[in-house]
């Protein structure tokens, strides 16, 4: 019986020590926390009125392009061509890589261009690539890709006038429409 009393007393002491040591006090009721709210209105108000979100192609995309025109100018090869997005949606992260080869097929030089904004459906842009000049360069090859996959490119015979021209820095330069003179 004496052992039972000692065990009971010891268990009451252990429970008491743990309840005091583990915060056995009653917590005070504090202010209730509210769920955080997302403030979309300030974000929407800060967005440029001309910008808009567009759906982008996931997987293979399609473009059409005119035959590139290359010219050798003061230390560099400048290639200019027009590209039209024929995909059903916009192409995000549109990239063009140009490679120049010698007669043996060895890679000599190359350049890359990446559009900073999506290439919209049916949009026609004029792209200029600049690579260092090499006297042995005889032929070039182009690879097209986008952020979400590869691009199937088709060479066109003709294409509408470009809606925009993209310079070497990826900055869009709007094409001004020529006004027709009234007779």
N, C-alpha and C. Protein backbone atom coordinates (compact mmCIF):
# COMPACT_ATOMS: atom_id res chain seq x y z
N UNK A 1 0.81 -1.18 0.00
CA UNK A 1 0.00 0.00 0.00
C UNK A 1 0.86 1.25 0.00
N UNK A 2 1.98 1.13 0.73
CA UNK A 2 2.88 2.26 0.81
C UNK A 2 3.44 2.58 -0.58
N UNK A 3 3.73 1.55 -1.36
CA UNK A 3 4.24 1.77 -2.71
C UNK A 3 3.20 2.44 -3.58
N UNK A 4 1.95 2.07 -3.43
CA UNK A 4 0.88 2.65 -4.22
C UNK A 4 0.71 4.13 -3.89
N UNK A 5 0.82 4.48 -2.62
CA UNK A 5 0.73 5.89 -2.23
C UNK A 5 1.89 6.70 -2.80
N UNK A 6 3.09 6.13 -2.78
CA UNK A 6 4.27 6.82 -3.31
C UNK A 6 4.13 6.99 -4.83
N UNK A 7 3.64 5.97 -5.51
CA UNK A 7 3.46 6.04 -6.96
C UNK A 7 2.41 7.09 -7.32
N UNK A 8 1.31 7.15 -6.55
CA UNK A 8 0.26 8.13 -6.81
C UNK A 8 0.79 9.55 -6.56
N UNK A 9 1.53 9.72 -5.45
CA UNK A 9 2.08 11.03 -5.14
C UNK A 9 3.09 11.46 -6.21
N UNK A 10 3.93 10.53 -6.64
CA UNK A 10 4.92 10.82 -7.67
C UNK A 10 4.25 11.18 -9.00
N UNK A 11 3.20 10.48 -9.38
CA UNK A 11 2.51 10.79 -10.64
C UNK A 11 1.81 12.15 -10.57
N UNK A 12 1.25 12.53 -9.42
CA UNK A 12 0.64 13.85 -9.29
C UNK A 12 1.71 14.93 -9.43
N UNK A 13 2.89 14.71 -8.83
CA UNK A 13 3.97 15.68 -8.94
C UNK A 13 4.46 15.80 -10.39
N UNK A 14 4.60 14.69 -11.09
CA UNK A 14 5.07 14.73 -12.48
C UNK A 14 4.07 15.46 -13.36
N UNK A 15 2.78 15.17 -13.20
CA UNK A 15 1.75 15.85 -13.99
C UNK A 15 1.73 17.34 -13.66
N UNK A 16 1.89 17.69 -12.42
CA UNK A 16 1.91 19.09 -12.03
C UNK A 16 3.10 19.83 -12.61
N UNK A 17 4.28 19.21 -12.58
CA UNK A 17 5.49 19.84 -13.13
C UNK A 17 5.35 20.03 -14.64
N UNK A 18 4.85 19.00 -15.33
CA UNK A 18 4.69 19.13 -16.77
C UNK A 18 3.64 20.17 -17.15
N UNK A 19 2.56 20.26 -16.40
CA UNK A 19 1.53 21.24 -16.74
C UNK A 19 2.02 22.66 -16.51
N UNK A 20 2.81 22.89 -15.48
CA UNK A 20 3.36 24.22 -15.24
C UNK A 20 4.48 24.50 -16.24
N UNK A 21 5.34 23.54 -16.49
CA UNK A 21 6.47 23.73 -17.40
C UNK A 21 6.06 23.83 -18.85
N UNK A 22 4.97 23.23 -19.21
CA UNK A 22 4.52 23.25 -20.61
C UNK A 22 3.43 24.26 -20.84
N UNK A 23 3.34 25.24 -20.02
CA UNK A 23 2.36 26.30 -20.24
C UNK A 23 0.98 25.87 -19.81
N UNK A 24 0.87 25.39 -18.64
CA UNK A 24 -0.42 24.95 -18.15
C UNK A 24 -1.36 26.09 -17.83
N UNK A 25 -0.92 27.31 -18.03
CA UNK A 25 -1.77 28.45 -17.74
C UNK A 25 -2.82 28.61 -18.84
N UNK A 26 -3.90 29.22 -18.50
CA UNK A 26 -4.95 29.48 -19.46
C UNK A 26 -4.53 30.68 -20.32
N UNK A 27 -4.64 30.52 -21.63
CA UNK A 27 -4.25 31.61 -22.53
C UNK A 27 -5.31 32.69 -22.52
N UNK A 28 -4.82 33.92 -22.63
CA UNK A 28 -5.74 35.04 -22.70
C UNK A 28 -6.30 35.14 -24.11
N UNK A 29 -7.53 35.50 -24.21
CA UNK A 29 -8.16 35.65 -25.52
C UNK A 29 -7.67 36.95 -26.15
N UNK A 30 -6.96 36.84 -27.28
CA UNK A 30 -6.42 38.00 -27.97
C UNK A 30 -7.33 38.36 -29.14
N UNK A 31 -6.95 39.37 -29.86
CA UNK A 31 -7.76 39.74 -31.02
C UNK A 31 -7.70 38.62 -32.07
N UNK A 32 -8.81 38.41 -32.73
CA UNK A 32 -8.87 37.35 -33.73
C UNK A 32 -8.14 37.78 -34.99
N UNK A 33 -7.44 36.84 -35.59
CA UNK A 33 -6.71 37.11 -36.82
C UNK A 33 -7.66 36.99 -38.00
N UNK A 34 -7.56 37.95 -38.90
CA UNK A 34 -8.36 37.90 -40.11
C UNK A 34 -7.54 37.29 -41.23
N UNK A 35 -8.22 36.65 -42.15
CA UNK A 35 -7.53 36.08 -43.30
C UNK A 35 -6.97 37.22 -44.15
N UNK A 36 -5.75 37.06 -44.67
CA UNK A 36 -5.18 38.13 -45.49
C UNK A 36 -6.00 38.31 -46.77
N UNK A 37 -6.16 39.55 -47.14
CA UNK A 37 -6.91 39.84 -48.37
C UNK A 37 -5.93 40.30 -49.44
N UNK A 38 -6.17 39.88 -50.64
CA UNK A 38 -5.32 40.27 -51.76
C UNK A 38 -5.87 41.57 -52.32
N UNK A 39 -5.01 42.55 -52.39
CA UNK A 39 -5.42 43.86 -52.89
C UNK A 39 -5.14 43.92 -54.38
N UNK A 40 -6.07 43.48 -55.20
CA UNK A 40 -5.88 43.46 -56.64
C UNK A 40 -6.05 44.84 -57.28
N UNK A 41 -6.90 45.66 -56.73
CA UNK A 41 -7.18 46.94 -57.35
C UNK A 41 -5.91 47.78 -57.51
N UNK A 42 -5.04 47.93 -56.48
CA UNK A 42 -3.81 48.71 -56.70
C UNK A 42 -2.92 48.08 -57.77
N UNK A 43 -2.88 46.75 -57.83
CA UNK A 43 -2.06 46.09 -58.86
C UNK A 43 -2.62 46.36 -60.25
N UNK A 44 -3.92 46.30 -60.38
CA UNK A 44 -4.55 46.53 -61.68
C UNK A 44 -4.39 47.99 -62.10
N UNK A 45 -4.51 48.91 -61.14
CA UNK A 45 -4.38 50.32 -61.46
C UNK A 45 -2.96 50.69 -61.91
N UNK A 46 -1.95 49.94 -61.44
CA UNK A 46 -0.56 50.23 -61.81
C UNK A 46 -0.17 49.66 -63.16
N UNK A 47 -0.99 48.78 -63.72
CA UNK A 47 -0.67 48.18 -65.01
C UNK A 47 -0.97 49.17 -66.12
N UNK A 48 -0.08 49.21 -67.11
CA UNK A 48 -0.26 50.09 -68.26
C UNK A 48 -1.57 49.74 -68.95
N UNK A 49 -2.30 50.74 -69.39
CA UNK A 49 -3.62 50.50 -69.99
C UNK A 49 -3.52 49.76 -71.30
N UNK A 50 -2.38 49.84 -71.99
CA UNK A 50 -2.24 49.16 -73.27
C UNK A 50 -1.75 47.73 -73.12
N UNK A 51 -1.26 47.35 -71.95
CA UNK A 51 -0.77 45.99 -71.77
C UNK A 51 -1.94 45.06 -71.49
N UNK A 52 -1.75 43.80 -71.91
CA UNK A 52 -2.79 42.82 -71.67
C UNK A 52 -2.14 41.45 -71.57
N UNK A 53 -2.82 40.57 -70.88
CA UNK A 53 -2.34 39.21 -70.75
C UNK A 53 -2.90 38.40 -71.90
N UNK A 54 -2.08 37.53 -72.47
CA UNK A 54 -2.52 36.70 -73.58
C UNK A 54 -2.15 35.26 -73.29
N UNK A 55 -2.94 34.35 -73.81
CA UNK A 55 -2.65 32.92 -73.68
C UNK A 55 -1.52 32.57 -74.64
N UNK A 56 -0.61 31.72 -74.20
CA UNK A 56 0.54 31.34 -75.03
C UNK A 56 0.46 29.86 -75.40
N UNK A 57 1.09 29.54 -76.52
CA UNK A 57 1.13 28.16 -77.01
C UNK A 57 2.00 27.33 -76.08
N UNK A 58 1.54 26.14 -75.77
CA UNK A 58 2.34 25.16 -75.03
C UNK A 58 2.57 24.00 -75.98
N UNK A 59 3.82 23.66 -76.21
CA UNK A 59 4.15 22.62 -77.18
C UNK A 59 4.61 23.26 -78.47
N UNK A 60 4.55 22.50 -79.56
CA UNK A 60 5.04 23.03 -80.84
C UNK A 60 4.23 24.23 -81.33
N UNK A 61 4.93 25.24 -81.84
CA UNK A 61 4.30 26.41 -82.43
C UNK A 61 4.61 26.45 -83.92
N UNK A 62 3.91 27.30 -84.65
CA UNK A 62 4.12 27.42 -86.09
C UNK A 62 4.35 28.88 -86.47
N UNK A 63 5.33 29.08 -87.36
CA UNK A 63 5.58 30.40 -87.91
C UNK A 63 5.83 30.27 -89.40
N UNK A 64 5.69 31.40 -90.08
CA UNK A 64 6.09 31.50 -91.48
C UNK A 64 7.11 32.61 -91.57
N UNK A 65 8.06 32.48 -92.49
CA UNK A 65 9.08 33.53 -92.64
C UNK A 65 9.44 33.69 -94.10
N UNK A 66 9.90 34.89 -94.42
CA UNK A 66 10.41 35.17 -95.76
C UNK A 66 11.90 34.83 -95.80
N UNK A 67 12.43 34.64 -96.99
CA UNK A 67 13.85 34.32 -97.14
C UNK A 67 14.69 35.42 -96.49
N UNK A 68 15.60 35.04 -95.58
CA UNK A 68 16.44 36.05 -94.92
C UNK A 68 17.36 36.75 -95.92
N UNK A 69 17.59 38.05 -95.69
CA UNK A 69 18.50 38.85 -96.51
C UNK A 69 19.74 39.16 -95.66
N UNK A 70 20.89 38.66 -96.10
CA UNK A 70 22.14 38.88 -95.37
C UNK A 70 23.04 39.83 -96.14
N UNK A 71 23.70 40.71 -95.43
CA UNK A 71 24.63 41.66 -96.04
C UNK A 71 25.84 41.80 -95.13
N UNK A 72 27.02 41.91 -95.74
CA UNK A 72 28.25 42.11 -94.97
C UNK A 72 28.52 43.60 -94.86
N UNK A 73 28.55 44.08 -93.63
CA UNK A 73 28.78 45.51 -93.38
C UNK A 73 29.83 45.67 -92.29
N UNK A 74 30.81 46.46 -92.54
CA UNK A 74 31.84 46.89 -91.58
C UNK A 74 32.01 45.98 -90.36
N UNK A 75 32.57 44.82 -90.57
CA UNK A 75 32.92 43.96 -89.45
C UNK A 75 31.81 43.05 -88.95
N UNK A 76 30.67 43.05 -89.58
CA UNK A 76 29.59 42.17 -89.14
C UNK A 76 28.70 41.76 -90.30
N UNK A 77 27.99 40.66 -90.09
CA UNK A 77 27.01 40.18 -91.06
C UNK A 77 25.64 40.53 -90.49
N UNK A 78 24.87 41.29 -91.25
CA UNK A 78 23.55 41.73 -90.81
C UNK A 78 22.50 40.95 -91.59
N UNK A 79 21.63 40.23 -90.87
CA UNK A 79 20.58 39.44 -91.50
C UNK A 79 19.23 40.02 -91.08
N UNK A 80 18.37 40.26 -92.06
CA UNK A 80 17.05 40.81 -91.80
C UNK A 80 16.01 39.92 -92.46
N UNK A 81 14.94 39.62 -91.74
CA UNK A 81 13.85 38.86 -92.33
C UNK A 81 12.56 39.10 -91.56
N UNK A 82 11.46 38.72 -92.19
CA UNK A 82 10.14 38.91 -91.59
C UNK A 82 9.61 37.56 -91.12
N UNK A 83 8.93 37.59 -89.97
CA UNK A 83 8.36 36.39 -89.38
C UNK A 83 6.90 36.65 -89.07
N UNK A 84 6.04 35.66 -89.36
CA UNK A 84 4.62 35.76 -89.03
C UNK A 84 4.23 34.57 -88.16
N UNK A 85 3.55 34.84 -87.05
CA UNK A 85 3.07 33.78 -86.18
C UNK A 85 1.80 33.18 -86.78
N UNK A 86 1.85 31.91 -87.16
CA UNK A 86 0.68 31.23 -87.71
C UNK A 86 0.07 30.27 -86.70
N UNK A 87 0.54 30.29 -85.46
CA UNK A 87 -0.01 29.44 -84.40
C UNK A 87 -1.37 29.97 -83.97
N UNK A 88 -2.19 29.13 -83.36
CA UNK A 88 -3.51 29.59 -82.91
C UNK A 88 -3.44 30.54 -81.71
N UNK A 89 -2.31 30.58 -81.00
CA UNK A 89 -2.13 31.46 -79.84
C UNK A 89 -0.80 32.19 -79.96
N UNK A 90 -0.52 33.06 -79.01
CA UNK A 90 0.73 33.83 -79.00
C UNK A 90 1.91 32.92 -78.66
N UNK A 91 3.10 33.32 -79.10
CA UNK A 91 4.34 32.61 -78.79
C UNK A 91 5.12 33.42 -77.77
N UNK A 92 5.27 32.91 -76.56
CA UNK A 92 6.02 33.60 -75.52
C UNK A 92 7.49 33.21 -75.62
N UNK A 93 8.37 34.18 -75.44
CA UNK A 93 9.80 33.91 -75.47
C UNK A 93 10.30 33.45 -76.83
N UNK A 94 9.79 34.06 -77.90
CA UNK A 94 10.18 33.68 -79.26
C UNK A 94 11.67 33.94 -79.45
N UNK A 95 12.41 32.92 -79.90
CA UNK A 95 13.86 33.00 -80.05
C UNK A 95 14.28 32.55 -81.44
N UNK A 96 15.24 33.28 -82.02
CA UNK A 96 15.84 32.90 -83.30
C UNK A 96 17.34 32.77 -83.07
N UNK A 97 17.91 31.64 -83.48
CA UNK A 97 19.35 31.44 -83.41
C UNK A 97 19.88 31.29 -84.83
N UNK A 98 20.96 32.02 -85.13
CA UNK A 98 21.58 31.98 -86.45
C UNK A 98 22.98 31.40 -86.31
N UNK A 99 23.32 30.43 -87.16
CA UNK A 99 24.64 29.82 -87.17
C UNK A 99 25.25 29.96 -88.56
N UNK A 100 26.52 30.35 -88.63
CA UNK A 100 27.22 30.47 -89.91
C UNK A 100 28.27 29.37 -89.98
N UNK A 101 28.40 28.75 -91.18
CA UNK A 101 29.30 27.62 -91.40
C UNK A 101 30.28 27.93 -92.53
N UNK A 102 31.42 27.24 -92.51
CA UNK A 102 32.37 27.35 -93.62
C UNK A 102 32.08 26.23 -94.63
N UNK A 103 32.92 26.10 -95.67
CA UNK A 103 32.68 25.12 -96.72
C UNK A 103 32.74 23.69 -96.20
N UNK A 104 33.54 23.43 -95.16
CA UNK A 104 33.66 22.09 -94.59
C UNK A 104 32.51 21.74 -93.66
N UNK A 105 31.67 22.71 -93.34
CA UNK A 105 30.53 22.46 -92.46
C UNK A 105 30.82 22.73 -91.00
N UNK A 106 31.95 23.34 -90.69
CA UNK A 106 32.29 23.68 -89.31
C UNK A 106 31.63 25.00 -88.92
N UNK A 107 31.13 25.06 -87.69
CA UNK A 107 30.49 26.28 -87.20
C UNK A 107 31.53 27.36 -86.97
N UNK A 108 31.27 28.55 -87.51
CA UNK A 108 32.20 29.67 -87.36
C UNK A 108 31.72 30.68 -86.34
N UNK A 109 30.51 31.13 -86.49
CA UNK A 109 29.98 32.17 -85.62
C UNK A 109 28.47 32.03 -85.57
N UNK A 110 27.86 32.78 -84.70
CA UNK A 110 26.41 32.72 -84.59
C UNK A 110 25.88 33.84 -83.72
N UNK A 111 24.59 34.01 -83.78
CA UNK A 111 23.94 35.04 -82.99
C UNK A 111 22.56 34.57 -82.55
N UNK A 112 21.99 35.30 -81.62
CA UNK A 112 20.68 34.93 -81.09
C UNK A 112 19.84 36.17 -80.88
N UNK A 113 18.54 36.00 -81.06
CA UNK A 113 17.58 37.07 -80.83
C UNK A 113 16.43 36.49 -80.02
N UNK A 114 15.97 37.23 -78.99
CA UNK A 114 14.83 36.80 -78.19
C UNK A 114 13.89 37.97 -78.02
N UNK A 115 12.62 37.73 -78.36
CA UNK A 115 11.60 38.78 -78.20
C UNK A 115 11.21 38.88 -76.74
N UNK A 116 11.13 40.09 -76.24
CA UNK A 116 10.80 40.30 -74.83
C UNK A 116 9.31 40.22 -74.55
N UNK A 117 8.50 40.34 -75.57
CA UNK A 117 7.05 40.27 -75.39
C UNK A 117 6.53 39.13 -76.26
N UNK A 118 5.33 38.67 -76.03
CA UNK A 118 4.79 37.57 -76.85
C UNK A 118 4.59 37.99 -78.30
N UNK A 119 4.85 37.06 -79.20
CA UNK A 119 4.56 37.25 -80.62
C UNK A 119 3.11 36.83 -80.81
N UNK A 120 2.24 37.80 -81.03
CA UNK A 120 0.80 37.54 -81.08
C UNK A 120 0.40 36.77 -82.33
N UNK A 121 -0.79 36.19 -82.27
CA UNK A 121 -1.31 35.41 -83.40
C UNK A 121 -1.43 36.30 -84.64
N UNK A 122 -0.95 35.82 -85.78
CA UNK A 122 -0.98 36.49 -87.08
C UNK A 122 -0.17 37.79 -87.11
N UNK A 123 0.62 38.07 -86.10
CA UNK A 123 1.45 39.27 -86.09
C UNK A 123 2.67 39.05 -86.97
N UNK A 124 3.05 40.08 -87.71
CA UNK A 124 4.22 40.03 -88.58
C UNK A 124 5.26 41.00 -88.02
N UNK A 125 6.47 40.50 -87.76
CA UNK A 125 7.54 41.35 -87.25
C UNK A 125 8.76 41.22 -88.15
N UNK A 126 9.55 42.28 -88.19
CA UNK A 126 10.81 42.25 -88.92
C UNK A 126 11.94 42.16 -87.91
N UNK A 127 12.81 41.18 -88.08
CA UNK A 127 13.87 40.90 -87.13
C UNK A 127 15.22 41.13 -87.80
N UNK A 128 16.15 41.74 -87.05
CA UNK A 128 17.50 41.97 -87.54
C UNK A 128 18.48 41.26 -86.61
N UNK A 129 19.35 40.43 -87.21
CA UNK A 129 20.39 39.73 -86.46
C UNK A 129 21.75 40.25 -86.90
N UNK A 130 22.66 40.43 -85.95
CA UNK A 130 24.02 40.89 -86.26
C UNK A 130 25.00 39.91 -85.63
N UNK A 131 25.92 39.41 -86.46
CA UNK A 131 26.97 38.50 -85.98
C UNK A 131 28.31 39.00 -86.49
N UNK A 132 29.40 38.67 -85.79
CA UNK A 132 30.73 39.10 -86.26
C UNK A 132 31.03 38.54 -87.64
N UNK A 133 31.67 39.35 -88.45
CA UNK A 133 31.99 38.95 -89.82
C UNK A 133 33.16 37.97 -89.83
N UNK A 134 33.03 36.95 -90.68
CA UNK A 134 34.09 35.98 -90.87
C UNK A 134 34.19 35.71 -92.36
N UNK A 135 35.37 35.85 -92.93
CA UNK A 135 35.53 35.74 -94.38
C UNK A 135 35.27 34.32 -94.89
N UNK A 136 35.36 33.32 -94.02
CA UNK A 136 35.13 31.94 -94.45
C UNK A 136 33.66 31.54 -94.41
N UNK A 137 32.78 32.38 -93.87
CA UNK A 137 31.36 32.04 -93.75
C UNK A 137 30.72 31.98 -95.13
N UNK A 138 30.11 30.83 -95.45
CA UNK A 138 29.50 30.67 -96.77
C UNK A 138 28.01 30.36 -96.70
N UNK A 139 27.55 29.77 -95.61
CA UNK A 139 26.12 29.46 -95.51
C UNK A 139 25.68 29.59 -94.05
N UNK A 140 24.37 29.77 -93.89
CA UNK A 140 23.83 29.95 -92.54
C UNK A 140 22.66 29.01 -92.32
N UNK A 141 22.31 28.86 -91.05
CA UNK A 141 21.18 28.03 -90.65
C UNK A 141 20.46 28.76 -89.52
N UNK A 142 19.14 28.61 -89.47
CA UNK A 142 18.34 29.29 -88.45
C UNK A 142 17.54 28.27 -87.66
N UNK A 143 17.48 28.47 -86.34
CA UNK A 143 16.67 27.62 -85.48
C UNK A 143 15.71 28.52 -84.73
N UNK A 144 14.43 28.16 -84.77
CA UNK A 144 13.38 28.93 -84.10
C UNK A 144 12.88 28.12 -82.92
N UNK A 145 12.62 28.80 -81.81
CA UNK A 145 12.05 28.13 -80.64
C UNK A 145 11.26 29.15 -79.84
N UNK A 146 10.53 28.66 -78.85
CA UNK A 146 9.82 29.56 -77.94
C UNK A 146 9.89 28.97 -76.54
N UNK A 147 9.37 29.69 -75.59
CA UNK A 147 9.50 29.35 -74.18
C UNK A 147 8.94 27.98 -73.85
N UNK A 148 7.88 27.56 -74.51
CA UNK A 148 7.20 26.32 -74.16
C UNK A 148 7.39 25.21 -75.18
N UNK A 149 8.39 25.29 -76.04
CA UNK A 149 8.62 24.22 -76.99
C UNK A 149 9.35 24.67 -78.24
N UNK A 150 9.29 23.82 -79.24
CA UNK A 150 9.96 24.09 -80.51
C UNK A 150 8.99 24.75 -81.48
N UNK A 151 9.53 25.21 -82.61
CA UNK A 151 8.70 25.87 -83.61
C UNK A 151 8.90 25.18 -84.95
N UNK A 152 7.80 24.93 -85.62
CA UNK A 152 7.82 24.41 -86.99
C UNK A 152 7.78 25.62 -87.92
N UNK A 153 8.85 25.83 -88.67
CA UNK A 153 8.96 27.01 -89.53
C UNK A 153 8.72 26.63 -90.98
N UNK A 154 7.95 27.48 -91.67
CA UNK A 154 7.64 27.28 -93.08
C UNK A 154 8.05 28.55 -93.82
N UNK A 155 8.75 28.38 -94.94
CA UNK A 155 9.16 29.53 -95.74
C UNK A 155 8.01 29.99 -96.61
N UNK A 156 7.67 31.28 -96.54
CA UNK A 156 6.58 31.85 -97.33
C UNK A 156 7.15 32.55 -98.56
N UNK A 157 6.33 32.62 -99.61
CA UNK A 157 6.69 33.37 -100.81
C UNK A 157 6.43 34.86 -100.62
N UNK A 158 5.31 35.18 -99.96
CA UNK A 158 4.97 36.57 -99.68
C UNK A 158 4.27 36.64 -98.33
N UNK A 159 4.24 37.86 -97.80
CA UNK A 159 3.72 38.05 -96.45
C UNK A 159 3.20 39.48 -96.34
N UNK A 160 2.22 39.73 -95.49
CA UNK A 160 1.77 41.11 -95.29
C UNK A 160 2.88 41.98 -94.71
N UNK A 161 2.72 43.29 -94.83
CA UNK A 161 3.70 44.21 -94.27
C UNK A 161 3.81 44.00 -92.76
N UNK A 162 5.00 44.20 -92.20
CA UNK A 162 5.16 43.98 -90.76
C UNK A 162 4.34 44.97 -89.95
N UNK A 163 3.77 44.46 -88.86
CA UNK A 163 3.04 45.32 -87.94
C UNK A 163 3.99 45.95 -86.93
N UNK A 164 5.18 45.36 -86.80
CA UNK A 164 6.16 45.89 -85.86
C UNK A 164 7.55 45.48 -86.30
N UNK A 165 8.53 46.30 -85.94
CA UNK A 165 9.92 45.98 -86.19
C UNK A 165 10.60 45.85 -84.84
N UNK A 166 11.36 44.78 -84.65
CA UNK A 166 12.05 44.55 -83.40
C UNK A 166 13.53 44.78 -83.64
N UNK A 167 14.14 45.69 -82.85
CA UNK A 167 15.56 45.98 -83.06
C UNK A 167 16.43 44.94 -82.36
N UNK A 168 17.76 45.14 -82.41
CA UNK A 168 18.70 44.16 -81.88
C UNK A 168 18.54 43.94 -80.38
N UNK A 169 18.08 44.94 -79.65
CA UNK A 169 17.91 44.83 -78.21
C UNK A 169 16.58 44.21 -77.82
N UNK A 170 15.78 43.82 -78.79
CA UNK A 170 14.48 43.24 -78.50
C UNK A 170 13.41 44.27 -78.23
N UNK A 171 13.69 45.53 -78.52
CA UNK A 171 12.74 46.60 -78.28
C UNK A 171 11.84 46.74 -79.50
N UNK A 172 10.56 46.83 -79.26
CA UNK A 172 9.58 46.92 -80.33
C UNK A 172 9.49 48.35 -80.84
N UNK A 173 9.58 48.50 -82.15
CA UNK A 173 9.44 49.80 -82.79
C UNK A 173 8.22 49.71 -83.70
N UNK A 174 7.21 50.49 -83.41
CA UNK A 174 5.98 50.43 -84.19
C UNK A 174 6.21 50.96 -85.60
N UNK A 175 5.56 50.35 -86.56
CA UNK A 175 5.64 50.79 -87.95
C UNK A 175 4.53 51.79 -88.17
N UNK A 176 4.89 52.97 -88.64
CA UNK A 176 3.89 53.99 -88.90
C UNK A 176 3.26 53.75 -90.26
N UNK A 177 1.95 53.75 -90.29
CA UNK A 177 1.24 53.52 -91.55
C UNK A 177 1.40 54.74 -92.44
N UNK A 178 1.66 54.48 -93.71
CA UNK A 178 1.81 55.59 -94.65
C UNK A 178 0.42 56.09 -95.04
N UNK A 179 0.26 57.39 -94.98
CA UNK A 179 -1.03 57.97 -95.33
C UNK A 179 -1.10 58.19 -96.83
N UNK A 180 -2.23 57.80 -97.39
CA UNK A 180 -2.42 58.00 -98.82
C UNK A 180 -2.90 59.43 -99.06
N UNK A 181 -2.36 60.03 -100.10
CA UNK A 181 -2.75 61.39 -100.42
C UNK A 181 -4.07 61.38 -101.18
N UNK A 182 -4.94 62.29 -100.83
CA UNK A 182 -6.23 62.39 -101.51
C UNK A 182 -6.05 63.06 -102.86
N UNK A 183 -6.73 62.58 -103.93
CA UNK A 183 -6.57 63.21 -105.25
C UNK A 183 -7.25 64.55 -105.34
